Amino acid sequence: MKNFSAFFIAVALCLMSVFASCTAVYADSQTETQKTHTDAANPETSLHAPHLDGKNMNVLWAIPFAGILLSIALFPLFAPHFWHEHYGKVSLFWGAAFFLAFLIIKGPGISFFYLIETYFLEFFPFIILLLSLFAVAGGIRLKGELIGSPLVNLSMILIGTFLASWIGTTGAAMLMIRPLLRANAWRKYKTHVVVFFIFLVANIGGSLTPLGDPPLFMGFLKGVSFFWTTKHLLFPFLLTTALLAAVFFIIDSFFYKKEPARPQKSDTGEKLSLEGKRNILLIPLIPAAVLFSSADMGTAFTLHMVKIPVSSIVQMGLLLLIAFISVRITPKDIRVNNGFTWEPIREVAKLFAAIFITMIPPIAMLKAGAEGPLGIIIKSLTGPDGQFISSHFFWITGILSGFLDNAPTYVIFFNAAGGDAISLMGVHAKILLAISVGAVFMGANTYIGNAPNFMVKSIAEEHEVNMPTFFGYIFKYTLPILIPTFILAAWIFF
């Protein structure tokens, strides 16, 4: 009965998405008709790749995106068994519902253009990068007695935090999460350990270089110098890390005292050592492959007006090769003893496949700027005198990064601030700092704010950690812990 009810809810939500999207027909039809006549009268226009005009989009197009987010938030809470068995189908429902409405209303030309662009240029590189990091990190196992005391936990989290800027937040998170979980396997109270790991290792730790987090890499591609982030984000990084580390140590010490039994480290216990050391040699090759994607090597081929760069094909090929090598050189018993399975990456792939496609309309509306349906957000970035307000850039970029992909969110507000890297690194350095800190730090606000967040959650649940729900994470941890920390950071730096 519970399964039937949950299935009914899923179908109803998806049908609501289709219905709501289809109600945009009337609002869009005249604009689309006019655009069609314009293209027909202007043959040169039709030669260029089509793009959504976010200025004329109805906000109802955002319902499928809201639907997949609410599904991630509510199904694990009200129908956990159904969600565990059928999350892929729910994700497919939302993605298919959006694309079907998009295809009917906007036409096959623009629909298939965005389908190909989204998956070939964004989703496939994204998920292949995660796959390679997941495979390589899963082949490294820390052996030996490691008891999850507050000091040990804080040390492991801080190691991951400082590694994240150089091997990426995903790389550091995948490398450190399993040793942390094993060290705390005996503990009854350990949920907070994983949450603070997400805060610091999976997000804030990636602040210091473009290798650390995708938003900063996008800035690097747009002309921001490599070490600009190291110089300007260092103090916000150190302050925020120190504050959260202190809060974590207090909370973890409190729960540590409540543990019914504490294991004692024996004198004859197994010494700390690493298995799968060959995988360590593969880790630096992954950011190198990502950096390679910034090279302009021309177009490999064009598919329905979408130009697929040679560098992107080479990057994905290299990352898949690295993952394949890792699987081949790692003894199976290492992965078995590591508690390694492919389920976390499957879950991320299935859910983010829908998130990426349904995110198209909200991103287009934001790109439309002050004249678009979300123009109130863009207008709020400036004061009455027309000058940019750095604190507004910080909060708006950050809050949206918690729910949208933080990389395109960074780009939108980078462009809203003028889009000139030289100016933003100089006269408007505080604005670029606000955008960068907001996008990187506030990716920690939700499970979907940054890719490794969801992967860490999934791995922790495989290790029987009772992780909070989507809203539980926000209300129990983001609002009482992160937001006050960010308020202090905003007061000091912006």
Protein backbone atom coordinates (compact mmCIF):
# COMPACT_ATOMS: atom_id res chain seq x y z
CA MET A 1 0.00 0.00 0.00
CA LYS A 2 2.83 2.38 0.84
CA ASN A 3 4.53 1.62 -2.46
CA PHE A 4 1.30 2.22 -4.35
CA SER A 5 0.75 5.55 -2.59
CA ALA A 6 4.29 6.67 -3.26
CA PHE A 7 4.03 5.63 -6.89
CA PHE A 8 0.77 7.52 -7.19
CA ILE A 9 2.43 10.63 -5.75
CA ALA A 10 5.31 10.34 -8.22
CA VAL A 11 2.98 9.99 -11.19
CA ALA A 12 0.81 12.86 -9.95
CA LEU A 13 3.81 15.13 -9.55
CA CYS A 14 5.07 14.33 -13.01
CA LEU A 15 1.66 14.88 -14.56
CA MET A 16 1.51 18.17 -12.72
CA SER A 17 4.83 19.07 -14.31
CA VAL A 18 3.54 18.32 -17.80
CA PHE A 19 0.30 20.18 -17.16
CA ALA A 20 2.04 23.20 -15.68
CA SER A 21 4.58 23.31 -18.49
CA CYS A 22 1.87 23.04 -21.09
CA THR A 23 0.10 26.03 -19.57
CA ALA A 24 3.07 28.04 -20.79
CA VAL A 25 1.98 27.43 -24.39
CA TYR A 26 -0.26 30.46 -24.53
CA ALA A 27 2.35 32.70 -22.95
CA ASP A 28 5.08 31.47 -25.28
CA SER A 29 3.16 30.86 -28.49
CA GLN A 30 3.00 34.42 -29.79
CA THR A 31 6.67 35.01 -29.05
CA GLU A 32 7.68 31.76 -30.75
CA THR A 33 5.49 32.48 -33.76
CA GLN A 34 7.00 35.92 -34.09
CA LYS A 35 10.51 34.47 -33.79
CA THR A 36 9.71 31.87 -36.46
CA HIS A 37 8.56 34.56 -38.89
CA THR A 38 11.69 36.59 -38.13
CA ASP A 39 13.94 33.59 -38.83
CA ALA A 40 12.09 32.88 -42.06
CA ALA A 41 12.56 36.47 -43.20
CA ASN A 42 16.19 36.40 -42.14
CA PRO A 43 17.78 33.22 -43.50
CA GLU A 44 21.14 34.01 -41.89
CA THR A 45 19.58 33.79 -38.44
CA SER A 46 18.61 30.16 -38.95
CA LEU A 47 22.25 29.25 -39.62
CA HIS A 48 23.19 30.03 -36.05
CA ALA A 49 22.63 27.77 -33.09
CA PRO A 50 19.25 28.43 -31.43
CA HIS A 51 19.13 29.83 -27.94
CA LEU A 52 16.35 30.31 -25.46
CA ASP A 53 15.19 33.86 -24.96
CA GLY A 54 14.88 33.87 -21.18
CA LYS A 55 13.18 37.27 -21.27
CA ASN A 56 10.01 35.76 -22.69
CA MET A 57 9.92 32.51 -20.72
CA ASN A 58 7.09 31.77 -18.32
CA VAL A 59 8.24 30.97 -14.77
CA LEU A 60 6.13 27.80 -14.93
CA TRP A 61 8.96 26.26 -16.92
CA ALA A 62 10.86 26.01 -13.63
CA ILE A 63 8.31 23.53 -12.21
CA PRO A 64 10.07 20.35 -13.48
CA PHE A 65 13.31 21.53 -11.86
CA ALA A 66 11.45 22.24 -8.63
CA GLY A 67 9.82 18.84 -8.99
CA ILE A 68 13.06 16.86 -9.06
CA LEU A 69 14.38 18.87 -6.09
CA LEU A 70 11.21 18.23 -4.09
CA SER A 71 11.35 14.54 -5.03
CA ILE A 72 14.90 14.34 -3.67
CA ALA A 73 13.73 16.14 -0.54
CA LEU A 74 10.39 14.45 0.18
CA PHE A 75 10.47 10.86 -1.07
CA PRO A 76 13.28 9.72 1.25
CA LEU A 77 11.27 11.24 4.10
CA PHE A 78 7.78 9.90 3.32
CA ALA A 79 8.47 6.86 1.10
CA PRO A 80 12.09 5.78 1.70
CA HIS A 81 11.69 2.22 0.43
CA PHE A 82 10.03 3.36 -2.78
CA TRP A 83 12.70 6.00 -3.31
CA HIS A 84 15.54 3.54 -2.80
CA GLU A 85 14.05 1.16 -5.35
CA HIS A 86 12.73 3.66 -7.89
CA TYR A 87 14.64 6.95 -7.63
CA GLY A 88 15.91 6.45 -11.18
CA LYS A 89 12.34 6.20 -12.51
CA VAL A 90 11.27 9.34 -10.64
CA SER A 91 14.26 11.18 -12.06
CA LEU A 92 13.40 9.93 -15.54
CA PHE A 93 9.79 11.07 -15.08
CA TRP A 94 10.82 14.66 -14.38
CA GLY A 95 13.39 14.77 -17.15
CA ALA A 96 11.04 13.20 -19.70
CA ALA A 97 8.10 15.38 -18.61
CA PHE A 98 10.15 18.52 -19.11
CA PHE A 99 11.64 17.45 -22.44
CA LEU A 100 8.28 16.31 -23.81
CA ALA A 101 6.69 19.68 -23.01
CA PHE A 102 9.79 21.47 -24.33
CA LEU A 103 9.66 19.46 -27.55
CA ILE A 104 5.96 20.12 -28.14
CA ILE A 105 6.05 23.82 -27.30
CA LYS A 106 9.48 24.95 -28.49
CA GLY A 107 9.88 22.53 -31.40
CA PRO A 108 12.46 19.84 -32.21
CA GLY A 109 15.17 22.24 -33.42
CA ILE A 110 15.83 24.07 -30.18
CA SER A 111 14.83 21.09 -28.02
CA PHE A 112 17.39 18.69 -29.48
CA PHE A 113 20.01 21.44 -29.57
CA TYR A 114 19.71 21.89 -25.80
CA LEU A 115 19.46 18.15 -25.21
CA ILE A 116 22.75 17.55 -27.03
CA GLU A 117 24.47 20.63 -25.59
CA THR A 118 23.44 19.80 -22.03
CA TYR A 119 24.55 16.17 -22.10
CA PHE A 120 27.59 16.30 -24.40
CA LEU A 121 29.13 19.53 -23.12
CA GLU A 122 28.00 19.52 -19.48
CA PHE A 123 26.60 16.29 -18.06
CA PHE A 124 28.94 13.70 -19.66
CA PRO A 125 32.16 15.61 -18.74
CA PHE A 126 30.71 16.15 -15.25
CA ILE A 127 29.77 12.54 -14.54
CA ILE A 128 32.90 11.08 -16.18
CA LEU A 129 35.06 13.31 -13.96
CA LEU A 130 33.17 12.08 -10.89
CA LEU A 131 33.46 8.48 -12.11
CA SER A 132 37.25 8.69 -12.48
CA LEU A 133 37.70 10.27 -9.05
CA PHE A 134 35.31 7.76 -7.51
CA ALA A 135 37.11 4.80 -9.08
CA VAL A 136 40.63 5.94 -8.18
CA ALA A 137 39.83 7.03 -4.60
CA GLY A 138 37.87 3.82 -4.04
CA GLY A 139 41.02 1.83 -4.80
CA ILE A 140 43.00 3.42 -1.96
CA ARG A 141 42.47 1.93 1.50
CA LEU A 142 43.84 3.14 4.79
CA LYS A 143 44.58 0.10 6.97
CA GLY A 144 45.14 -0.02 10.68
CA GLU A 145 43.54 1.00 13.93
CA LEU A 146 42.03 4.45 13.71
CA ILE A 147 39.57 5.40 16.45
CA GLY A 148 37.19 8.23 15.65
CA SER A 149 37.87 10.55 18.56
CA PRO A 150 37.20 14.30 18.18
CA LEU A 151 40.89 14.99 17.57
CA VAL A 152 41.26 12.20 15.01
CA ASN A 153 38.07 13.24 13.20
CA LEU A 154 39.08 16.90 13.10
CA SER A 155 42.55 15.98 11.82
CA MET A 156 41.13 13.86 8.98
CA ILE A 157 38.62 16.54 8.00
CA LEU A 158 41.31 19.23 7.96
CA ILE A 159 43.63 17.06 5.86
CA GLY A 160 40.83 16.64 3.34
CA THR A 161 40.04 20.36 3.48
CA PHE A 162 43.60 21.38 2.59
CA LEU A 163 43.87 18.69 -0.11
CA ALA A 164 40.65 19.84 -1.81
CA SER A 165 42.13 22.95 -3.44
CA TRP A 166 44.73 20.85 -5.24
CA ILE A 167 42.93 17.63 -6.18
CA GLY A 168 39.42 19.05 -6.23
CA THR A 169 36.64 18.83 -3.68
CA THR A 170 35.39 15.63 -5.27
CA GLY A 171 38.85 14.06 -5.26
CA ALA A 172 39.52 14.96 -1.63
CA ALA A 173 36.04 13.87 -0.54
CA MET A 174 36.27 10.50 -2.27
CA LEU A 175 39.78 9.95 -0.90
CA MET A 176 38.99 10.76 2.74
CA ILE A 177 35.36 9.74 3.34
CA ARG A 178 35.86 5.97 3.66
CA PRO A 179 38.74 6.16 6.17
CA LEU A 180 36.65 8.63 8.19
CA LEU A 181 33.62 6.33 8.12
CA ARG A 182 35.68 3.30 9.18
CA ALA A 183 37.24 5.24 12.04
CA ASN A 184 33.74 6.10 13.27
CA ALA A 185 32.02 2.79 12.50
CA TRP A 186 31.83 1.97 16.22
CA ARG A 187 30.14 5.24 17.10
CA LYS A 188 26.41 5.70 17.65
CA TYR A 189 26.52 9.48 17.13
CA LYS A 190 28.32 10.19 13.87
CA THR A 191 25.92 11.94 11.48
CA HIS A 192 27.39 15.35 12.33
CA VAL A 193 30.86 14.07 11.40
CA VAL A 194 29.76 13.43 7.81
CA VAL A 195 27.87 16.74 7.61
CA PHE A 196 30.90 18.78 8.66
CA PHE A 197 32.97 16.71 6.23
CA ILE A 198 30.59 17.91 3.49
CA PHE A 199 30.89 21.51 4.72
CA LEU A 200 34.66 21.60 4.72
CA VAL A 201 36.12 18.92 2.45
CA ALA A 202 33.42 18.80 -0.23
CA ASN A 203 32.98 22.57 -0.51
CA ILE A 204 34.96 25.21 1.42
CA GLY A 205 38.22 23.31 0.98
CA GLY A 206 38.14 23.95 -2.77
CA SER A 207 38.59 27.71 -2.38
CA LEU A 208 42.24 28.30 -3.15
CA THR A 209 42.80 27.28 -6.79
CA PRO A 210 40.76 26.76 -9.96
CA LEU A 211 41.43 23.03 -9.51
CA GLY A 212 39.47 23.07 -6.27
CA ASP A 213 35.92 23.73 -7.44
CA PRO A 214 34.21 24.05 -10.87
CA PRO A 215 33.09 27.71 -10.39
CA LEU A 216 36.70 28.83 -9.91
CA PHE A 217 37.75 26.79 -12.93
CA MET A 218 35.10 28.62 -14.98
CA GLY A 219 36.61 31.90 -13.79
CA PHE A 220 40.04 30.67 -14.84
CA LEU A 221 38.70 29.90 -18.32
CA LYS A 222 37.31 33.45 -18.46
CA GLY A 223 40.67 35.03 -17.71
CA VAL A 224 40.98 35.07 -13.90
CA SER A 225 44.63 34.32 -13.10
CA PHE A 226 45.37 30.96 -11.49
CA PHE A 227 46.66 32.31 -8.17
CA TRP A 228 44.20 35.21 -7.87
CA THR A 229 41.90 32.89 -5.94
CA THR A 230 44.76 31.73 -3.70
CA LYS A 231 45.61 35.30 -2.74
CA HIS A 232 42.11 36.72 -2.35
CA LEU A 233 40.19 33.75 -0.94
CA LEU A 234 42.88 32.72 1.55
CA PHE A 235 41.61 34.75 4.51
CA PRO A 236 37.89 33.94 4.00
CA PHE A 237 38.95 30.29 3.68
CA LEU A 238 41.05 30.33 6.85
CA LEU A 239 38.44 32.20 8.90
CA THR A 240 35.53 30.00 7.82
CA THR A 241 37.54 26.80 8.21
CA ALA A 242 38.72 27.80 11.70
CA LEU A 243 35.20 28.70 12.84
CA LEU A 244 33.62 25.51 11.52
CA ALA A 245 36.50 23.39 12.84
CA ALA A 246 36.02 24.85 16.30
CA VAL A 247 32.25 24.29 16.20
CA PHE A 248 32.79 20.73 14.98
CA PHE A 249 35.27 19.93 17.75
CA ILE A 250 32.83 21.18 20.39
CA ILE A 251 29.90 19.23 18.95
CA ASP A 252 31.93 16.07 18.37
CA SER A 253 33.38 16.21 21.90
CA PHE A 254 29.86 16.50 23.29
CA PHE A 255 28.61 13.44 21.39
CA TYR A 256 31.83 11.52 22.03
CA LYS A 257 31.15 11.74 25.77
CA LYS A 258 27.69 10.29 25.18
CA GLU A 259 28.99 7.17 23.43
CA PRO A 260 28.01 4.08 25.49
CA ALA A 261 31.35 2.37 24.88
CA ARG A 262 34.65 3.53 23.50
CA PRO A 263 37.13 1.11 21.94
CA GLN A 264 40.68 1.32 23.19
CA LYS A 265 43.60 1.25 20.81
CA SER A 266 45.56 -1.93 21.50
CA ASP A 267 49.35 -2.12 21.63
CA THR A 268 49.32 -5.01 19.19
CA GLY A 269 46.87 -3.36 16.79
CA GLU A 270 47.58 -3.12 13.08
CA LYS A 271 49.73 -0.13 12.17
CA LEU A 272 48.44 2.51 9.80
CA SER A 273 49.34 1.82 6.20
CA LEU A 274 47.98 2.33 2.70
CA GLU A 275 46.80 -0.30 0.25
CA GLY A 276 46.36 0.44 -3.44
CA LYS A 277 49.23 2.93 -3.50
CA ARG A 278 49.43 2.81 -7.27
CA ASN A 279 46.16 4.71 -7.40
CA ILE A 280 47.85 7.66 -5.69
CA LEU A 281 49.92 8.12 -8.85
CA LEU A 282 46.70 8.41 -10.87
CA ILE A 283 45.19 11.20 -8.74
CA PRO A 284 47.25 14.12 -10.16
CA LEU A 285 46.50 12.91 -13.69
CA ILE A 286 42.81 13.74 -13.16
CA PRO A 287 43.19 17.52 -12.57
CA ALA A 288 45.77 17.51 -15.37
CA ALA A 289 43.13 16.06 -17.71
CA VAL A 290 40.65 18.70 -16.54
CA LEU A 291 43.16 21.48 -17.20
CA PHE A 292 43.71 19.98 -20.65
CA SER A 293 40.05 20.75 -21.45
CA SER A 294 40.89 24.49 -21.36
CA ALA A 295 43.11 24.13 -24.43
CA ASP A 296 41.65 25.32 -27.74
CA MET A 297 42.17 22.41 -30.13
CA GLY A 298 39.29 23.16 -32.44
CA THR A 299 36.05 21.29 -33.04
CA ALA A 300 35.93 17.50 -33.21
CA PHE A 301 32.51 17.41 -34.85
CA THR A 302 29.22 19.28 -34.94
CA LEU A 303 26.01 17.55 -33.92
CA HIS A 304 22.78 19.44 -34.58
CA MET A 305 24.60 22.81 -34.43
CA VAL A 306 26.38 21.86 -31.19
CA LYS A 307 30.15 22.08 -31.61
CA ILE A 308 31.91 19.34 -29.66
CA PRO A 309 35.49 20.47 -28.85
CA VAL A 310 38.42 18.15 -29.43
CA SER A 311 39.72 19.01 -25.95
CA SER A 312 36.47 17.86 -24.36
CA ILE A 313 36.60 14.52 -26.18
CA VAL A 314 40.24 14.04 -25.18
CA GLN A 315 39.48 14.97 -21.56
CA MET A 316 36.64 12.46 -21.28
CA GLY A 317 38.75 9.80 -22.98
CA LEU A 318 41.65 10.37 -20.60
CA LEU A 319 39.40 10.29 -17.55
CA LEU A 320 37.76 7.04 -18.67
CA LEU A 321 41.20 5.57 -19.32
CA ILE A 322 42.34 6.57 -15.81
CA ALA A 323 39.24 4.95 -14.29
CA PHE A 324 39.81 1.79 -16.36
CA ILE A 325 43.47 1.59 -15.31
CA SER A 326 42.48 2.03 -11.66
CA VAL A 327 40.00 -0.84 -11.86
CA ARG A 328 42.56 -3.07 -13.59
CA ILE A 329 45.50 -2.42 -11.24
CA THR A 330 43.57 -2.54 -7.97
CA PRO A 331 43.10 -5.98 -6.36
CA LYS A 332 39.43 -6.73 -5.78
CA ASP A 333 39.93 -7.42 -2.09
CA ILE A 334 41.04 -3.81 -1.54
CA ARG A 335 37.75 -2.48 -2.92
CA VAL A 336 35.77 -5.12 -1.02
CA ASN A 337 37.48 -4.25 2.26
CA ASN A 338 36.98 -0.59 1.45
CA GLY A 339 33.22 -1.14 1.29
CA PHE A 340 33.34 0.03 -2.32
CA THR A 341 30.30 -0.34 -4.61
CA TRP A 342 29.23 1.52 -7.74
CA GLU A 343 25.82 2.49 -6.32
CA PRO A 344 26.75 6.03 -5.18
CA ILE A 345 27.95 7.04 -8.65
CA ARG A 346 24.88 5.43 -10.23
CA GLU A 347 22.61 7.42 -7.92
CA VAL A 348 24.38 10.69 -8.69
CA ALA A 349 24.28 9.97 -12.44
CA LYS A 350 20.56 9.19 -12.49
CA LEU A 351 19.50 12.15 -10.36
CA PHE A 352 21.79 14.73 -11.92
CA ALA A 353 20.76 13.64 -15.40
CA ALA A 354 17.32 15.08 -14.63
CA ILE A 355 18.70 18.06 -12.71
CA PHE A 356 20.90 19.14 -15.64
CA ILE A 357 18.11 19.04 -18.24
CA THR A 358 15.37 20.59 -16.08
CA MET A 359 17.77 23.34 -14.98
CA ILE A 360 17.82 24.83 -18.50
CA PRO A 361 14.85 27.24 -18.03
CA PRO A 362 15.91 28.69 -14.63
CA ILE A 363 19.43 29.31 -15.96
CA ALA A 364 18.02 30.94 -19.12
CA MET A 365 15.78 33.19 -17.04
CA LEU A 366 18.73 34.32 -14.94
CA LYS A 367 20.85 34.88 -18.05
CA ALA A 368 18.12 37.20 -19.37
CA GLY A 369 19.23 39.68 -16.75
CA ALA A 370 17.18 42.58 -15.47
CA GLU A 371 14.64 42.25 -18.29
CA GLY A 372 13.87 38.59 -17.64
CA PRO A 373 11.23 37.03 -15.41
CA LEU A 374 13.83 36.78 -12.62
CA GLY A 375 14.97 40.34 -13.22
CA ILE A 376 14.26 41.31 -9.64
CA ILE A 377 17.24 39.18 -8.60
CA ILE A 378 19.61 40.89 -11.05
CA LYS A 379 18.32 44.37 -10.19
CA SER A 380 19.00 43.76 -6.51
CA LEU A 381 22.76 43.55 -7.22
CA THR A 382 23.06 47.33 -7.53
CA GLY A 383 22.15 50.19 -5.25
CA PRO A 384 20.16 53.35 -6.07
CA ASP A 385 23.35 54.94 -7.42
CA GLY A 386 23.85 52.06 -9.87
CA GLN A 387 26.96 50.77 -8.08
CA PHE A 388 27.45 47.06 -7.43
CA ILE A 389 26.85 45.86 -3.86
CA SER A 390 29.38 43.15 -2.99
CA SER A 391 27.35 41.66 -0.14
CA HIS A 392 24.37 41.22 -2.46
CA PHE A 393 26.54 39.36 -4.97
CA PHE A 394 27.77 37.13 -2.15
CA TRP A 395 24.33 36.20 -0.80
CA ILE A 396 22.47 35.88 -4.11
CA THR A 397 25.24 33.91 -5.84
CA GLY A 398 25.58 31.71 -2.77
CA ILE A 399 21.90 30.99 -2.16
CA LEU A 400 21.30 30.13 -5.81
CA SER A 401 24.46 27.98 -5.89
CA GLY A 402 22.94 25.81 -3.18
CA PHE A 403 20.10 24.83 -5.51
CA LEU A 404 21.47 25.34 -9.01
CA ASP A 405 24.77 24.04 -10.32
CA ASN A 406 27.29 26.43 -8.77
CA ALA A 407 29.43 26.64 -11.94
CA PRO A 408 26.79 28.21 -14.26
CA THR A 409 25.56 30.32 -11.33
CA TYR A 410 29.10 31.70 -10.98
CA VAL A 411 29.21 32.46 -14.70
CA ILE A 412 25.84 34.24 -14.66
CA PHE A 413 26.89 36.62 -11.89
CA PHE A 414 30.40 36.99 -13.32
CA ASN A 415 28.74 38.29 -16.47
CA ALA A 416 26.23 40.36 -14.47
CA ALA A 417 29.24 42.14 -12.94
CA GLY A 418 30.53 43.06 -16.40
CA GLY A 419 32.25 39.83 -17.46
CA ASP A 420 35.69 41.47 -17.84
CA ALA A 421 38.28 39.48 -15.87
CA ILE A 422 40.81 42.33 -15.81
CA SER A 423 38.29 44.75 -14.31
CA LEU A 424 36.98 42.17 -11.86
CA MET A 425 40.47 41.31 -10.64
CA GLY A 426 41.28 45.01 -10.24
CA VAL A 427 38.70 47.74 -9.64
CA HIS A 428 35.91 45.30 -8.81
CA ALA A 429 38.02 42.71 -6.96
CA LYS A 430 35.62 42.71 -4.01
CA ILE A 431 32.73 41.81 -6.37
CA LEU A 432 34.67 38.89 -7.86
CA LEU A 433 35.62 37.80 -4.34
CA ALA A 434 31.95 37.88 -3.31
CA ILE A 435 30.90 35.83 -6.35
CA SER A 436 33.71 33.30 -5.82
CA VAL A 437 33.19 32.85 -2.09
CA GLY A 438 29.40 32.68 -2.47
CA ALA A 439 29.54 30.02 -5.19
CA VAL A 440 32.16 27.83 -3.47
CA PHE A 441 31.18 28.17 0.19
CA MET A 442 27.42 28.01 -0.20
CA GLY A 443 27.55 24.92 -2.34
CA ALA A 444 27.53 23.34 1.14
CA ASN A 445 24.02 24.66 1.86
CA THR A 446 22.25 21.62 0.37
CA TYR A 447 23.01 18.12 -0.84
CA ILE A 448 22.82 19.27 -4.46
CA GLY A 449 24.87 22.45 -4.10
CA ASN A 450 28.03 20.65 -5.19
CA ALA A 451 28.49 17.23 -6.77
CA PRO A 452 30.51 15.53 -3.99
CA ASN A 453 27.84 16.42 -1.39
CA PHE A 454 25.41 13.85 -2.72
CA MET A 455 28.13 11.27 -3.28
CA VAL A 456 29.34 11.60 0.32
CA LYS A 457 25.75 11.26 1.55
CA SER A 458 25.23 8.13 -0.54
CA ILE A 459 28.50 6.51 0.59
CA ALA A 460 27.72 7.33 4.23
CA GLU A 461 24.28 5.73 3.94
CA GLU A 462 25.90 2.61 2.48
CA HIS A 463 27.98 2.52 5.68
CA GLU A 464 24.75 2.72 7.72
CA VAL A 465 25.09 6.34 8.78
CA ASN A 466 21.66 7.85 9.39
CA MET A 467 21.99 10.95 7.22
CA PRO A 468 19.44 13.78 7.49
CA THR A 469 16.86 14.31 4.75
CA PHE A 470 17.19 17.16 2.27
CA PHE A 471 15.25 19.57 4.48
CA GLY A 472 16.65 18.02 7.66
CA TYR A 473 20.15 18.91 6.45
CA ILE A 474 19.08 22.50 5.83
CA PHE A 475 17.16 23.05 9.06
CA LYS A 476 19.45 21.09 11.41
CA TYR A 477 22.82 22.13 10.02
CA THR A 478 22.79 24.81 7.30
CA LEU A 479 20.59 27.38 9.03
CA PRO A 480 21.96 27.12 12.59
CA ILE A 481 25.64 26.55 11.70
CA LEU A 482 26.58 27.61 8.17
CA ILE A 483 24.44 30.72 7.80
CA PRO A 484 25.68 32.43 11.01
CA THR A 485 29.25 31.65 9.87
CA PHE A 486 28.55 33.20 6.47
CA ILE A 487 26.92 36.25 8.07
CA LEU A 488 30.12 36.86 10.02
CA ALA A 489 32.24 36.34 6.88
CA ALA A 490 30.02 38.75 4.92
CA TRP A 491 30.30 41.36 7.68
CA ILE A 492 34.11 41.12 7.70
CA PHE A 493 34.86 40.81 3.98
CA PHE A 494 31.93 42.42 2.15
